[in-house]
Amino acid sequence: MITPLKTAVTGAAALLALAVPPTTAHSAPLAGPVSVPDSFCEGRADANYPHPERPDAFVQCSGELAYVFDCQPGLLYNPYPRPWGQCDWPDNVDWQPGEWTDPTP
């Protein structure tokens, strides 16, 4: 009975390895400010928003409070699907500094 369980765990680990992005020289978080102004979420719906200066981070607004999160190494924040978006492969994200539009639903 232990062998099938061990095989299942090994198979799950192999699937997880396929889902985790490879580490490259560009995988480190990008330099730049992590925090946002206290007023960032004032008047905004509860949702995730692109970080105004970092493509590899996003801001979650909840009750007009801002929480900043980094994407996993090698991923960039993609504001679609709205309103929550997701961290995504760079080839799927079109990011230019200062050109994000507000993804308010």
Protein backbone atom coordinates (compact mmCIF):
# COMPACT_ATOMS: atom_id res chain seq x y z
CA MET A 1 0.00 0.00 0.00
CA ILE A 2 2.88 2.41 0.57
CA THR A 3 4.19 2.13 -2.99
CA PRO A 4 1.06 3.54 -4.72
CA LEU A 5 1.01 6.47 -2.30
CA LYS A 6 4.70 7.14 -2.94
CA THR A 7 4.04 7.03 -6.70
CA ALA A 8 1.12 9.47 -6.34
CA VAL A 9 3.25 11.88 -4.31
CA THR A 10 6.09 11.66 -6.83
CA GLY A 11 3.64 12.31 -9.69
CA ALA A 12 2.19 15.34 -7.87
CA ALA A 13 5.69 16.72 -7.32
CA ALA A 14 6.41 16.36 -11.03
CA LEU A 15 3.23 18.28 -11.91
CA LEU A 16 4.13 21.01 -9.44
CA ALA A 17 7.59 21.31 -10.98
CA LEU A 18 5.96 21.98 -14.36
CA ALA A 19 3.80 24.77 -12.91
CA VAL A 20 6.64 26.67 -11.20
CA PRO A 21 8.46 29.11 -13.47
CA PRO A 22 12.15 28.45 -14.06
CA THR A 23 14.61 30.68 -12.27
CA THR A 24 16.57 32.94 -14.57
CA ALA A 25 18.85 35.94 -14.18
CA HIS A 26 15.75 38.12 -14.67
CA SER A 27 13.71 36.39 -11.97
CA ALA A 28 14.70 38.62 -9.07
CA PRO A 29 12.13 41.22 -8.04
CA LEU A 30 12.67 44.41 -9.99
CA ALA A 31 14.17 47.37 -8.18
CA GLY A 32 11.81 50.12 -7.23
CA PRO A 33 9.56 51.30 -4.46
CA VAL A 34 7.37 48.62 -2.95
CA SER A 35 5.02 50.82 -0.96
CA VAL A 36 2.29 53.04 -2.37
CA PRO A 37 0.87 56.28 -0.93
CA ASP A 38 -1.64 55.83 1.92
CA SER A 39 -4.27 57.39 -0.32
CA PHE A 40 -3.80 54.85 -3.15
CA CYS A 41 -7.01 52.92 -2.35
CA GLU A 42 -9.20 55.84 -1.35
CA GLY A 43 -12.35 55.77 -3.47
CA ARG A 44 -11.34 52.54 -5.23
CA ALA A 45 -13.37 49.34 -5.33
CA ASP A 46 -12.03 46.32 -3.46
CA ALA A 47 -9.86 44.71 -6.13
CA ASN A 48 -6.26 44.23 -7.24
CA TYR A 49 -4.52 47.03 -9.14
CA PRO A 50 -1.21 47.17 -10.98
CA HIS A 51 1.60 48.64 -8.90
CA PRO A 52 2.20 52.13 -10.31
CA GLU A 53 5.96 51.60 -10.70
CA ARG A 54 6.69 47.86 -10.64
CA PRO A 55 5.43 45.36 -13.22
CA ASP A 56 6.22 42.45 -10.90
CA ALA A 57 3.97 43.70 -8.09
CA PHE A 58 0.34 44.60 -7.48
CA VAL A 59 -1.73 46.42 -4.90
CA GLN A 60 -4.75 44.83 -3.29
CA CYS A 61 -7.30 47.38 -2.09
CA SER A 62 -9.60 46.21 0.67
CA GLY A 63 -11.75 48.63 2.64
CA GLU A 64 -9.64 51.51 1.25
CA LEU A 65 -6.47 49.96 2.75
CA ALA A 66 -3.56 49.09 0.43
CA TYR A 67 -1.65 45.81 0.59
CA VAL A 68 1.33 45.40 -1.76
CA PHE A 69 2.27 41.95 -3.07
CA ASP A 70 5.14 40.76 -5.26
CA CYS A 71 4.57 38.20 -7.99
CA GLN A 72 6.63 35.02 -7.86
CA PRO A 73 10.07 35.30 -9.46
CA GLY A 74 9.88 35.42 -13.25
CA LEU A 75 6.22 36.57 -13.37
CA LEU A 76 4.64 39.99 -13.96
CA TYR A 77 1.24 41.27 -12.85
CA ASN A 78 -1.47 41.08 -15.50
CA PRO A 79 -4.61 43.05 -14.53
CA TYR A 80 -6.85 40.70 -16.53
CA PRO A 81 -9.21 39.04 -15.82
CA ARG A 82 -10.69 41.92 -13.88
CA PRO A 83 -11.16 42.73 -11.05
CA TRP A 84 -8.49 40.51 -9.53
CA GLY A 85 -5.92 39.89 -12.27
CA GLN A 86 -3.07 37.45 -11.85
CA CYS A 87 0.67 37.07 -11.93
CA ASP A 88 1.47 35.84 -15.41
CA TRP A 89 4.30 34.98 -17.80
CA PRO A 90 6.03 38.09 -19.22
CA ASP A 91 5.01 37.17 -22.78
CA ASN A 92 1.37 37.60 -21.73
CA VAL A 93 1.85 41.03 -20.15
CA ASP A 94 2.20 44.34 -21.98
CA TRP A 95 3.65 46.70 -19.39
CA GLN A 96 5.12 50.14 -19.94
CA PRO A 97 5.97 52.35 -16.95
CA GLY A 98 3.23 54.89 -16.30
CA GLU A 99 0.90 53.45 -18.97
CA TRP A 100 -1.31 51.22 -16.84
CA THR A 101 -4.98 52.07 -16.89
CA ASP A 102 -7.06 51.71 -13.75
CA PRO A 103 -8.76 48.28 -13.90
CA THR A 104 -11.72 49.34 -11.78
CA PRO A 105 -14.54 46.93 -12.64
